[in-house]
Amino acid sequence: MKLPKLTQEDKINILLAIFVAALICANLLGSKVTVIFGITASVGIFAYPLTFLMTDIVEEVYGRRKAQSFVYAGFFSLILVFILVLISLAMPPASFYSNNEGYSKVFQNTLRIIVASLTAFFISQTHDVWMFNRWKKRHKGKHLWWRNDVSTIVSQLIDTTIFIFIAFYMVTPAYTVDKMVAMIIPYWTLKIVFALCDTPFCYLGVKWLRAK
């Protein structure tokens, strides 16, 4: 059976699906903490960089407006997910359901974490789209690797800083500004590594999206 050829709209929809899936996974799975190269990090760090990669690919081919539409789609998707999670947690379990305590522990986030996640996502992603577009104009469409890396690295710093401060600042007296900085720097360093590693995939994604 011969598979139908993908249209440009099909390709955009595939990239949007990856973007939203990665974003939701980063938030739902992110409560688990692991250690990577000696740095304590959320397992969501494997999914979240994909969102920056998707918007960079789309913006390179279709421009800032289309990439920003991904950010809006992701933002409203997150709001919907959080609402549905809250409803699910509020619903009483059936008498024979024995895993409600574990279910609640996995999915229950404080309001402060939710606000931190939404705020950090929207501001950092919007900045990434803007900065990528700015460097594209300045370099007249050349040096894709530069705008892909620089826009992502700076935006990841913004994302990490906003999230850490909103989520943890002064939760206890020990969580001072110095403590926040000590948490931000190693986590951001790890994100830089991921950003540099995704550059070849950005080129491949752009080539695939442009192909008729």
N, C-alpha and C. Protein backbone atom coordinates (compact mmCIF):
# COMPACT_ATOMS: atom_id res chain seq x y z
N MET A 1 0.84 -1.20 0.00
CA MET A 1 0.00 0.00 0.00
C MET A 1 0.88 1.25 0.00
N LYS A 2 0.61 2.14 -0.94
CA LYS A 2 1.41 3.35 -1.06
C LYS A 2 0.89 4.42 -0.12
N LEU A 3 1.79 4.96 0.69
CA LEU A 3 1.39 5.98 1.64
C LEU A 3 1.23 7.32 0.93
N PRO A 4 0.24 8.12 1.33
CA PRO A 4 0.06 9.44 0.71
C PRO A 4 1.20 10.37 1.09
N LYS A 5 1.54 11.28 0.19
CA LYS A 5 2.60 12.23 0.47
C LYS A 5 2.11 13.28 1.46
N LEU A 6 3.01 13.71 2.32
CA LEU A 6 2.66 14.73 3.31
C LEU A 6 2.62 16.10 2.67
N THR A 7 1.57 16.84 2.94
CA THR A 7 1.50 18.23 2.50
C THR A 7 2.22 19.11 3.52
N GLN A 8 2.41 20.37 3.18
CA GLN A 8 3.05 21.29 4.13
C GLN A 8 2.20 21.45 5.38
N GLU A 9 0.89 21.44 5.21
CA GLU A 9 -0.01 21.53 6.37
C GLU A 9 0.13 20.30 7.26
N ASP A 10 0.30 19.13 6.65
CA ASP A 10 0.50 17.91 7.43
C ASP A 10 1.77 18.02 8.27
N LYS A 11 2.82 18.55 7.66
CA LYS A 11 4.10 18.67 8.37
C LYS A 11 4.00 19.65 9.54
N ILE A 12 3.30 20.76 9.32
CA ILE A 12 3.10 21.73 10.40
C ILE A 12 2.34 21.08 11.55
N ASN A 13 1.32 20.31 11.21
CA ASN A 13 0.52 19.64 12.25
C ASN A 13 1.35 18.63 13.03
N ILE A 14 2.25 17.95 12.35
CA ILE A 14 3.13 16.98 13.03
C ILE A 14 4.05 17.71 14.01
N LEU A 15 4.64 18.82 13.57
CA LEU A 15 5.53 19.58 14.45
C LEU A 15 4.76 20.17 15.63
N LEU A 16 3.53 20.62 15.39
CA LEU A 16 2.71 21.14 16.48
C LEU A 16 2.37 20.05 17.48
N ALA A 17 2.09 18.84 16.97
CA ALA A 17 1.79 17.72 17.86
C ALA A 17 2.99 17.39 18.74
N ILE A 18 4.19 17.40 18.15
CA ILE A 18 5.42 17.15 18.92
C ILE A 18 5.61 18.24 19.97
N PHE A 19 5.37 19.49 19.57
CA PHE A 19 5.52 20.63 20.48
C PHE A 19 4.62 20.49 21.71
N VAL A 20 3.34 20.25 21.47
CA VAL A 20 2.37 20.15 22.57
C VAL A 20 2.65 18.92 23.43
N ALA A 21 2.97 17.79 22.77
CA ALA A 21 3.25 16.57 23.52
C ALA A 21 4.47 16.74 24.42
N ALA A 22 5.53 17.36 23.89
CA ALA A 22 6.75 17.58 24.68
C ALA A 22 6.47 18.52 25.85
N LEU A 23 5.67 19.54 25.60
CA LEU A 23 5.35 20.51 26.65
C LEU A 23 4.57 19.86 27.78
N ILE A 24 3.56 19.08 27.42
CA ILE A 24 2.74 18.42 28.44
C ILE A 24 3.55 17.37 29.19
N CYS A 25 4.38 16.62 28.47
CA CYS A 25 5.23 15.62 29.13
C CYS A 25 6.19 16.28 30.11
N ALA A 26 6.77 17.40 29.72
CA ALA A 26 7.72 18.09 30.59
C ALA A 26 7.07 18.50 31.90
N ASN A 27 5.79 18.88 31.84
CA ASN A 27 5.08 19.32 33.04
C ASN A 27 4.53 18.17 33.86
N LEU A 28 3.98 17.15 33.20
CA LEU A 28 3.39 16.04 33.95
C LEU A 28 4.45 15.09 34.50
N LEU A 29 5.55 14.91 33.76
CA LEU A 29 6.59 13.98 34.20
C LEU A 29 7.68 14.65 35.02
N GLY A 30 7.64 15.99 35.04
CA GLY A 30 8.76 16.74 35.61
C GLY A 30 8.92 16.68 37.11
N SER A 31 7.97 16.07 37.83
CA SER A 31 8.10 16.01 39.28
C SER A 31 9.18 15.03 39.74
N LYS A 32 9.59 14.12 38.83
CA LYS A 32 10.66 13.19 39.17
C LYS A 32 12.01 13.87 38.94
N VAL A 33 12.91 13.69 39.88
CA VAL A 33 14.24 14.32 39.82
C VAL A 33 15.29 13.24 39.60
N THR A 34 16.25 13.54 38.72
CA THR A 34 17.33 12.62 38.45
C THR A 34 18.66 13.37 38.56
N VAL A 35 19.76 12.68 38.32
CA VAL A 35 21.09 13.31 38.34
C VAL A 35 21.75 13.05 36.99
N ILE A 36 22.14 14.12 36.29
CA ILE A 36 22.80 14.03 34.99
C ILE A 36 24.13 14.75 35.08
N PHE A 37 25.21 14.01 34.88
CA PHE A 37 26.57 14.58 34.98
C PHE A 37 26.77 15.31 36.31
N GLY A 38 26.20 14.74 37.37
CA GLY A 38 26.38 15.33 38.69
C GLY A 38 25.44 16.48 38.99
N ILE A 39 24.55 16.82 38.04
CA ILE A 39 23.62 17.94 38.22
C ILE A 39 22.22 17.39 38.48
N THR A 40 21.62 17.83 39.56
CA THR A 40 20.25 17.42 39.88
C THR A 40 19.27 18.14 38.95
N ALA A 41 18.44 17.37 38.26
CA ALA A 41 17.53 17.97 37.29
C ALA A 41 16.24 17.17 37.20
N SER A 42 15.19 17.86 36.78
CA SER A 42 13.91 17.20 36.52
C SER A 42 14.03 16.36 35.25
N VAL A 43 13.33 15.23 35.20
CA VAL A 43 13.35 14.40 33.99
C VAL A 43 12.65 15.12 32.84
N GLY A 44 11.92 16.20 33.15
CA GLY A 44 11.30 16.99 32.10
C GLY A 44 12.29 17.68 31.19
N ILE A 45 13.56 17.70 31.61
CA ILE A 45 14.60 18.34 30.81
C ILE A 45 14.82 17.63 29.47
N PHE A 46 14.38 16.37 29.37
CA PHE A 46 14.52 15.65 28.11
C PHE A 46 13.44 16.04 27.10
N ALA A 47 12.29 16.48 27.60
CA ALA A 47 11.17 16.82 26.72
C ALA A 47 11.12 18.30 26.38
N TYR A 48 11.39 19.15 27.35
CA TYR A 48 11.17 20.58 27.16
C TYR A 48 12.01 21.20 26.04
N PRO A 49 13.28 20.83 25.86
CA PRO A 49 14.06 21.41 24.76
C PRO A 49 13.45 21.19 23.38
N LEU A 50 12.63 20.15 23.24
CA LEU A 50 11.98 19.90 21.95
C LEU A 50 11.05 21.04 21.56
N THR A 51 10.48 21.72 22.55
CA THR A 51 9.56 22.81 22.23
C THR A 51 10.30 23.96 21.55
N PHE A 52 11.50 24.28 22.03
CA PHE A 52 12.30 25.34 21.40
C PHE A 52 12.75 24.92 20.01
N LEU A 53 13.08 23.65 19.85
CA LEU A 53 13.50 23.14 18.54
C LEU A 53 12.36 23.26 17.53
N MET A 54 11.14 22.92 17.94
CA MET A 54 10.01 22.96 17.02
C MET A 54 9.72 24.39 16.55
N THR A 55 9.72 25.35 17.48
CA THR A 55 9.44 26.74 17.08
C THR A 55 10.55 27.31 16.21
N ASP A 56 11.80 26.91 16.45
CA ASP A 56 12.90 27.39 15.61
C ASP A 56 12.76 26.86 14.18
N ILE A 57 12.40 25.59 14.05
CA ILE A 57 12.22 25.00 12.72
C ILE A 57 11.09 25.71 11.97
N VAL A 58 9.98 25.90 12.65
CA VAL A 58 8.81 26.52 12.02
C VAL A 58 9.10 27.98 11.66
N GLU A 59 9.74 28.70 12.57
CA GLU A 59 10.01 30.11 12.29
C GLU A 59 10.99 30.29 11.14
N GLU A 60 11.95 29.40 11.03
CA GLU A 60 12.92 29.50 9.93
C GLU A 60 12.23 29.39 8.58
N VAL A 61 11.20 28.57 8.49
CA VAL A 61 10.54 28.33 7.21
C VAL A 61 9.32 29.23 7.02
N TYR A 62 8.51 29.42 8.07
CA TYR A 62 7.23 30.12 7.93
C TYR A 62 7.15 31.46 8.65
N GLY A 63 8.17 31.80 9.42
CA GLY A 63 8.19 33.12 10.02
C GLY A 63 7.69 33.18 11.45
N ARG A 64 7.80 34.37 12.02
CA ARG A 64 7.54 34.59 13.44
C ARG A 64 6.08 34.34 13.81
N ARG A 65 5.15 34.75 12.97
CA ARG A 65 3.73 34.64 13.31
C ARG A 65 3.32 33.18 13.50
N LYS A 66 3.77 32.32 12.61
CA LYS A 66 3.42 30.90 12.72
C LYS A 66 4.05 30.28 13.97
N ALA A 67 5.30 30.64 14.26
CA ALA A 67 5.96 30.10 15.45
C ALA A 67 5.26 30.57 16.72
N GLN A 68 4.84 31.84 16.73
CA GLN A 68 4.15 32.36 17.91
C GLN A 68 2.81 31.66 18.12
N SER A 69 2.18 31.21 17.03
CA SER A 69 0.92 30.48 17.17
C SER A 69 1.13 29.16 17.90
N PHE A 70 2.32 28.57 17.76
CA PHE A 70 2.66 27.37 18.51
C PHE A 70 2.68 27.68 20.01
N VAL A 71 3.24 28.84 20.36
CA VAL A 71 3.33 29.23 21.77
C VAL A 71 1.93 29.40 22.36
N TYR A 72 1.04 30.06 21.61
CA TYR A 72 -0.34 30.22 22.09
C TYR A 72 -1.02 28.87 22.26
N ALA A 73 -0.82 27.99 21.27
CA ALA A 73 -1.43 26.65 21.34
C ALA A 73 -0.93 25.90 22.57
N GLY A 74 0.37 25.99 22.83
CA GLY A 74 0.95 25.31 23.98
C GLY A 74 0.45 25.89 25.29
N PHE A 75 0.32 27.21 25.36
CA PHE A 75 -0.14 27.86 26.58
C PHE A 75 -1.56 27.43 26.94
N PHE A 76 -2.45 27.47 25.96
CA PHE A 76 -3.83 27.07 26.24
C PHE A 76 -3.96 25.57 26.48
N SER A 77 -3.08 24.78 25.85
CA SER A 77 -3.06 23.34 26.12
C SER A 77 -2.68 23.07 27.57
N LEU A 78 -1.69 23.80 28.07
CA LEU A 78 -1.27 23.63 29.46
C LEU A 78 -2.39 24.01 30.42
N ILE A 79 -3.07 25.10 30.14
CA ILE A 79 -4.18 25.51 31.00
C ILE A 79 -5.26 24.43 31.04
N LEU A 80 -5.59 23.89 29.87
CA LEU A 80 -6.60 22.83 29.80
C LEU A 80 -6.16 21.59 30.58
N VAL A 81 -4.89 21.21 30.42
CA VAL A 81 -4.38 20.04 31.13
C VAL A 81 -4.45 20.24 32.63
N PHE A 82 -4.05 21.41 33.11
CA PHE A 82 -4.08 21.67 34.55
C PHE A 82 -5.51 21.66 35.08
N ILE A 83 -6.45 22.19 34.31
CA ILE A 83 -7.85 22.17 34.74
C ILE A 83 -8.36 20.73 34.84
N LEU A 84 -8.04 19.93 33.83
CA LEU A 84 -8.49 18.53 33.83
C LEU A 84 -7.83 17.73 34.95
N VAL A 85 -6.57 18.04 35.25
CA VAL A 85 -5.89 17.37 36.35
C VAL A 85 -6.56 17.73 37.68
N LEU A 86 -6.88 19.00 37.86
CA LEU A 86 -7.55 19.43 39.09
C LEU A 86 -8.90 18.75 39.25
N ILE A 87 -9.65 18.65 38.16
CA ILE A 87 -10.95 17.97 38.21
C ILE A 87 -10.76 16.50 38.57
N SER A 88 -9.76 15.85 37.95
CA SER A 88 -9.50 14.44 38.21
C SER A 88 -9.12 14.20 39.67
N LEU A 89 -8.33 15.10 40.22
CA LEU A 89 -7.92 14.97 41.62
C LEU A 89 -9.09 15.19 42.57
N ALA A 90 -10.00 16.07 42.18
CA ALA A 90 -11.14 16.38 43.05
C ALA A 90 -12.21 15.29 43.04
N MET A 91 -12.27 14.51 41.98
CA MET A 91 -13.29 13.47 41.89
C MET A 91 -13.03 12.37 42.92
N PRO A 92 -14.06 11.94 43.66
CA PRO A 92 -13.86 10.87 44.65
C PRO A 92 -13.58 9.54 43.97
N PRO A 93 -12.66 8.75 44.51
CA PRO A 93 -12.34 7.45 43.90
C PRO A 93 -13.45 6.42 44.15
N ALA A 94 -13.53 5.47 43.26
CA ALA A 94 -14.47 4.36 43.46
C ALA A 94 -14.03 3.55 44.67
N SER A 95 -14.94 2.85 45.28
CA SER A 95 -14.65 2.10 46.51
C SER A 95 -13.59 1.03 46.30
N PHE A 96 -13.51 0.49 45.09
CA PHE A 96 -12.54 -0.58 44.81
C PHE A 96 -11.21 -0.04 44.28
N TYR A 97 -11.11 1.27 44.08
CA TYR A 97 -9.86 1.85 43.55
C TYR A 97 -8.90 2.09 44.71
N SER A 98 -7.78 1.39 44.70
CA SER A 98 -6.87 1.42 45.85
C SER A 98 -5.63 2.30 45.64
N ASN A 99 -5.53 2.94 44.48
CA ASN A 99 -4.31 3.70 44.19
C ASN A 99 -4.50 5.21 44.24
N ASN A 100 -5.54 5.67 44.89
CA ASN A 100 -5.85 7.10 44.86
C ASN A 100 -4.75 7.94 45.52
N GLU A 101 -4.18 7.43 46.60
CA GLU A 101 -3.13 8.20 47.29
C GLU A 101 -1.91 8.38 46.39
N GLY A 102 -1.50 7.31 45.73
CA GLY A 102 -0.37 7.40 44.82
C GLY A 102 -0.68 8.28 43.62
N TYR A 103 -1.91 8.17 43.11
CA TYR A 103 -2.35 8.98 41.98
C TYR A 103 -2.25 10.47 42.34
N SER A 104 -2.70 10.81 43.53
CA SER A 104 -2.68 12.21 43.97
C SER A 104 -1.26 12.71 44.14
N LYS A 105 -0.37 11.88 44.66
CA LYS A 105 1.01 12.29 44.86
C LYS A 105 1.70 12.58 43.53
N VAL A 106 1.38 11.79 42.51
CA VAL A 106 2.01 11.96 41.20
C VAL A 106 1.54 13.24 40.51
N PHE A 107 0.25 13.52 40.58
CA PHE A 107 -0.31 14.61 39.78
C PHE A 107 -0.58 15.90 40.55
N GLN A 108 -0.43 15.88 41.84
CA GLN A 108 -0.79 17.06 42.61
C GLN A 108 0.36 18.07 42.65
N ASN A 109 0.14 19.22 42.02
CA ASN A 109 1.08 20.33 42.08
C ASN A 109 0.45 21.46 42.87
N THR A 110 1.28 22.22 43.53
CA THR A 110 0.75 23.40 44.22
C THR A 110 0.42 24.46 43.18
N LEU A 111 -0.45 25.39 43.58
CA LEU A 111 -0.82 26.49 42.68
C LEU A 111 0.41 27.31 42.31
N ARG A 112 1.34 27.43 43.22
CA ARG A 112 2.56 28.21 42.96
C ARG A 112 3.40 27.58 41.84
N ILE A 113 3.50 26.25 41.83
CA ILE A 113 4.24 25.56 40.78
C ILE A 113 3.56 25.74 39.43
N ILE A 114 2.23 25.67 39.42
CA ILE A 114 1.48 25.82 38.18
C ILE A 114 1.68 27.23 37.60
N VAL A 115 1.57 28.24 38.46
CA VAL A 115 1.77 29.62 38.02
C VAL A 115 3.19 29.81 37.51
N ALA A 116 4.16 29.24 38.20
CA ALA A 116 5.56 29.35 37.79
C ALA A 116 5.78 28.72 36.41
N SER A 117 5.19 27.56 36.21
CA SER A 117 5.35 26.85 34.94
C SER A 117 4.74 27.61 33.78
N LEU A 118 3.51 28.09 33.95
CA LEU A 118 2.83 28.82 32.88
C LEU A 118 3.54 30.13 32.55
N THR A 119 3.94 30.85 33.58
CA THR A 119 4.60 32.15 33.38
C THR A 119 5.93 31.97 32.67
N ALA A 120 6.73 31.04 33.16
CA ALA A 120 8.06 30.80 32.58
C ALA A 120 7.95 30.34 31.13
N PHE A 121 7.01 29.45 30.87
CA PHE A 121 6.84 28.95 29.51
C PHE A 121 6.49 30.08 28.55
N PHE A 122 5.46 30.85 28.87
CA PHE A 122 4.97 31.85 27.92
C PHE A 122 6.01 32.93 27.65
N ILE A 123 6.66 33.43 28.70
CA ILE A 123 7.64 34.51 28.53
C ILE A 123 8.87 34.01 27.78
N SER A 124 9.40 32.86 28.16
CA SER A 124 10.62 32.36 27.53
C SER A 124 10.39 31.95 26.08
N GLN A 125 9.25 31.33 25.79
CA GLN A 125 8.98 30.92 24.42
C GLN A 125 8.73 32.12 23.52
N THR A 126 8.02 33.11 24.03
CA THR A 126 7.78 34.33 23.25
C THR A 126 9.10 35.03 22.97
N HIS A 127 9.98 35.07 23.97
CA HIS A 127 11.31 35.67 23.77
C HIS A 127 12.10 34.88 22.74
N ASP A 128 12.03 33.57 22.78
CA ASP A 128 12.77 32.74 21.83
C ASP A 128 12.34 33.05 20.40
N VAL A 129 11.04 33.15 20.17
CA VAL A 129 10.51 33.45 18.84
C VAL A 129 10.98 34.84 18.39
N TRP A 130 10.91 35.81 19.30
CA TRP A 130 11.33 37.18 18.96
C TRP A 130 12.82 37.25 18.66
N MET A 131 13.64 36.63 19.50
CA MET A 131 15.09 36.71 19.33
C MET A 131 15.55 35.97 18.08
N PHE A 132 14.95 34.82 17.80
CA PHE A 132 15.28 34.07 16.59
C PHE A 132 14.99 34.92 15.36
N ASN A 133 13.84 35.59 15.36
CA ASN A 133 13.46 36.44 14.24
C ASN A 133 14.41 37.62 14.08
N ARG A 134 14.83 38.19 15.20
CA ARG A 134 15.73 39.34 15.16
C ARG A 134 17.07 38.96 14.53
N TRP A 135 17.64 37.82 14.94
CA TRP A 135 18.93 37.39 14.39
C TRP A 135 18.80 36.96 12.93
N LYS A 136 17.63 36.43 12.58
CA LYS A 136 17.42 36.04 11.19
C LYS A 136 17.46 37.26 10.27
N LYS A 137 16.84 38.35 10.72
CA LYS A 137 16.86 39.59 9.94
C LYS A 137 18.27 40.18 9.89
N ARG A 138 18.95 40.16 11.03
CA ARG A 138 20.29 40.76 11.09
C ARG A 138 21.28 40.02 10.20
N HIS A 139 21.17 38.70 10.15
CA HIS A 139 22.08 37.89 9.34
C HIS A 139 21.54 37.60 7.94
N LYS A 140 20.39 38.22 7.62
CA LYS A 140 19.76 38.07 6.30
C LYS A 140 19.55 36.61 5.93
N GLY A 141 19.05 35.85 6.89
CA GLY A 141 18.71 34.46 6.64
C GLY A 141 19.86 33.48 6.73
N LYS A 142 21.08 33.95 6.99
CA LYS A 142 22.24 33.07 7.10
C LYS A 142 22.48 32.68 8.57
N HIS A 143 23.38 31.72 8.76
CA HIS A 143 23.81 31.30 10.10
C HIS A 143 22.66 30.79 10.97
N LEU A 144 21.95 29.81 10.47
CA LEU A 144 20.86 29.20 11.23
C LEU A 144 21.35 28.68 12.57
N TRP A 145 22.54 28.09 12.60
CA TRP A 145 23.08 27.50 13.84
C TRP A 145 23.19 28.56 14.93
N TRP A 146 23.57 29.79 14.54
CA TRP A 146 23.76 30.85 15.52
C TRP A 146 22.44 31.23 16.20
N ARG A 147 21.41 31.54 15.39
CA ARG A 147 20.15 31.96 15.99
C ARG A 147 19.45 30.81 16.71
N ASN A 148 19.64 29.59 16.22
CA ASN A 148 19.07 28.44 16.92
C ASN A 148 19.69 28.29 18.32
N ASP A 149 21.00 28.37 18.39
CA ASP A 149 21.69 28.19 19.68
C ASP A 149 21.49 29.37 20.61
N VAL A 150 21.73 30.58 20.10
CA VAL A 150 21.69 31.76 20.97
C VAL A 150 20.28 32.02 21.49
N SER A 151 19.28 31.96 20.61
CA SER A 151 17.91 32.24 21.06
C SER A 151 17.46 31.22 22.09
N THR A 152 17.82 29.95 21.88
CA THR A 152 17.43 28.90 22.82
C THR A 152 18.15 29.03 24.15
N ILE A 153 19.45 29.28 24.11
CA ILE A 153 20.24 29.37 25.34
C ILE A 153 19.78 30.53 26.21
N VAL A 154 19.58 31.70 25.60
CA VAL A 154 19.12 32.87 26.37
C VAL A 154 17.70 32.64 26.89
N SER A 155 16.84 32.07 26.06
CA SER A 155 15.46 31.84 26.47
C SER A 155 15.37 30.79 27.57
N GLN A 156 16.26 29.80 27.53
CA GLN A 156 16.29 28.79 28.59
C GLN A 156 16.74 29.41 29.91
N LEU A 157 17.62 30.39 29.85
CA LEU A 157 18.02 31.10 31.08
C LEU A 157 16.82 31.86 31.66
N ILE A 158 16.07 32.52 30.78
CA ILE A 158 14.88 33.24 31.22
C ILE A 158 13.87 32.27 31.84
N ASP A 159 13.65 31.15 31.15
CA ASP A 159 12.70 30.15 31.63
C ASP A 159 13.11 29.61 33.01
N THR A 160 14.36 29.23 33.14
CA THR A 160 14.85 28.66 34.40
C THR A 160 14.78 29.66 35.54
N THR A 161 15.18 30.90 35.26
CA THR A 161 15.18 31.93 36.30
C THR A 161 13.78 32.24 36.79
N ILE A 162 12.85 32.44 35.85
CA ILE A 162 11.48 32.76 36.23
C ILE A 162 10.85 31.61 37.01
N PHE A 163 11.03 30.40 36.52
CA PHE A 163 10.42 29.26 37.20
C PHE A 163 10.97 29.06 38.60
N ILE A 164 12.29 29.08 38.74
CA ILE A 164 12.91 28.85 40.04
C ILE A 164 12.48 29.90 41.06
N PHE A 165 12.47 31.17 40.65
CA PHE A 165 12.11 32.23 41.59
C PHE A 165 10.64 32.18 41.99
N ILE A 166 9.75 32.00 41.02
CA ILE A 166 8.33 31.96 41.36
C ILE A 166 7.99 30.71 42.19
N ALA A 167 8.60 29.58 41.82
CA ALA A 167 8.25 28.32 42.47
C ALA A 167 8.86 28.16 43.86
N PHE A 168 10.08 28.69 44.07
CA PHE A 168 10.80 28.33 45.30
C PHE A 168 11.28 29.49 46.16
N TYR A 169 11.31 30.71 45.62
CA TYR A 169 11.88 31.81 46.40
C TYR A 169 11.13 32.02 47.71
N MET A 170 11.86 31.94 48.81
CA MET A 170 11.37 32.15 50.17
C MET A 170 10.25 31.19 50.57
N VAL A 171 10.23 30.01 49.95
CA VAL A 171 9.33 28.96 50.43
C VAL A 171 9.68 28.62 51.87
N THR A 172 10.98 28.62 52.14
CA THR A 172 11.50 28.55 53.50
C THR A 172 12.56 29.64 53.62
N PRO A 173 12.96 30.02 54.82
CA PRO A 173 13.98 31.07 54.98
C PRO A 173 15.30 30.72 54.28
N ALA A 174 15.55 29.44 54.06
CA ALA A 174 16.80 29.03 53.41
C ALA A 174 16.82 29.33 51.92
N TYR A 175 15.64 29.51 51.32
CA TYR A 175 15.55 29.73 49.88
C TYR A 175 15.69 31.22 49.56
N THR A 176 16.90 31.70 49.74
CA THR A 176 17.24 33.10 49.48
C THR A 176 17.63 33.29 48.02
N VAL A 177 17.98 34.53 47.68
CA VAL A 177 18.43 34.82 46.31
C VAL A 177 19.67 34.00 45.97
N ASP A 178 20.61 33.90 46.90
CA ASP A 178 21.82 33.11 46.67
C ASP A 178 21.50 31.65 46.39
N LYS A 179 20.53 31.12 47.11
CA LYS A 179 20.12 29.73 46.89
C LYS A 179 19.48 29.57 45.52
N MET A 180 18.69 30.55 45.10
CA MET A 180 18.06 30.50 43.78
C MET A 180 19.12 30.49 42.67
N VAL A 181 20.12 31.35 42.81
CA VAL A 181 21.19 31.41 41.82
C VAL A 181 21.96 30.09 41.78
N ALA A 182 22.19 29.51 42.96
CA ALA A 182 22.90 28.23 43.04
C ALA A 182 22.11 27.11 42.36
N MET A 183 20.79 27.23 42.34
CA MET A 183 19.95 26.24 41.66
C MET A 183 19.89 26.50 40.15
N ILE A 184 19.88 27.78 39.77
CA ILE A 184 19.71 28.16 38.36
C ILE A 184 20.93 27.81 37.51
N ILE A 185 22.12 28.14 37.98
CA ILE A 185 23.33 28.03 37.15
C ILE A 185 23.60 26.61 36.68
N PRO A 186 23.65 25.59 37.54
CA PRO A 186 23.92 24.24 37.04
C PRO A 186 22.80 23.71 36.14
N TYR A 187 21.55 24.03 36.48
CA TYR A 187 20.41 23.57 35.68
C TYR A 187 20.45 24.19 34.28
N TRP A 188 20.77 25.47 34.23
CA TRP A 188 20.87 26.17 32.94
C TRP A 188 22.05 25.64 32.12
N THR A 189 23.15 25.33 32.81
CA THR A 189 24.32 24.76 32.13
C THR A 189 23.95 23.46 31.42
N LEU A 190 23.17 22.66 32.07
CA LEU A 190 22.72 21.40 31.46
C LEU A 190 21.83 21.68 30.25
N LYS A 191 21.00 22.69 30.35
CA LYS A 191 20.14 23.06 29.23
C LYS A 191 20.95 23.57 28.03
N ILE A 192 22.08 24.23 28.31
CA ILE A 192 22.96 24.69 27.23
C ILE A 192 23.48 23.50 26.42
N VAL A 193 23.84 22.44 27.12
CA VAL A 193 24.33 21.23 26.45
C VAL A 193 23.26 20.67 25.52
N PHE A 194 22.02 20.62 26.01
CA PHE A 194 20.91 20.13 25.19
C PHE A 194 20.68 21.04 23.99
N ALA A 195 20.80 22.35 24.20
CA ALA A 195 20.58 23.31 23.11
C ALA A 195 21.62 23.14 22.01
N LEU A 196 22.86 22.92 22.39
CA LEU A 196 23.92 22.73 21.39
C LEU A 196 23.74 21.41 20.64
N CYS A 197 23.24 20.41 21.33
CA CYS A 197 23.06 19.10 20.69
C CYS A 197 21.91 19.08 19.68
N ASP A 198 20.96 20.01 19.82
CA ASP A 198 19.80 19.95 18.91
C ASP A 198 20.02 20.68 17.59
N THR A 199 21.18 21.35 17.42
CA THR A 199 21.43 22.12 16.20
C THR A 199 21.36 21.27 14.93
N PRO A 200 21.99 20.10 14.88
CA PRO A 200 21.85 19.28 13.65
C PRO A 200 20.41 18.91 13.34
N PHE A 201 19.62 18.68 14.39
CA PHE A 201 18.21 18.33 14.18
C PHE A 201 17.41 19.53 13.67
N CYS A 202 17.85 20.74 14.02
CA CYS A 202 17.21 21.94 13.51
C CYS A 202 17.41 22.02 12.00
N TYR A 203 18.63 21.78 11.53
CA TYR A 203 18.92 21.79 10.10
C TYR A 203 18.11 20.71 9.37
N LEU A 204 18.05 19.52 9.95
CA LEU A 204 17.29 18.43 9.34
C LEU A 204 15.80 18.76 9.29
N GLY A 205 15.29 19.34 10.38
CA GLY A 205 13.88 19.69 10.44
C GLY A 205 13.51 20.76 9.42
N VAL A 206 14.38 21.76 9.26
CA VAL A 206 14.14 22.82 8.28
C VAL A 206 14.16 22.25 6.86
N LYS A 207 15.12 21.38 6.59
CA LYS A 207 15.20 20.75 5.26
C LYS A 207 13.94 19.94 4.97
N TRP A 208 13.48 19.18 5.97
CA TRP A 208 12.29 18.34 5.80
C TRP A 208 11.04 19.19 5.60
N LEU A 209 10.93 20.29 6.35
CA LEU A 209 9.75 21.14 6.25
C LEU A 209 9.70 21.88 4.93
N ARG A 210 10.86 22.25 4.41
CA ARG A 210 10.90 22.99 3.13
C ARG A 210 10.66 22.10 1.92
N ALA A 211 10.97 20.82 2.08
CA ALA A 211 10.85 19.90 0.94
C ALA A 211 9.39 19.78 0.50
N LYS A 212 9.17 19.89 -0.77
CA LYS A 212 7.81 19.77 -1.32
C LYS A 212 7.46 18.31 -1.55
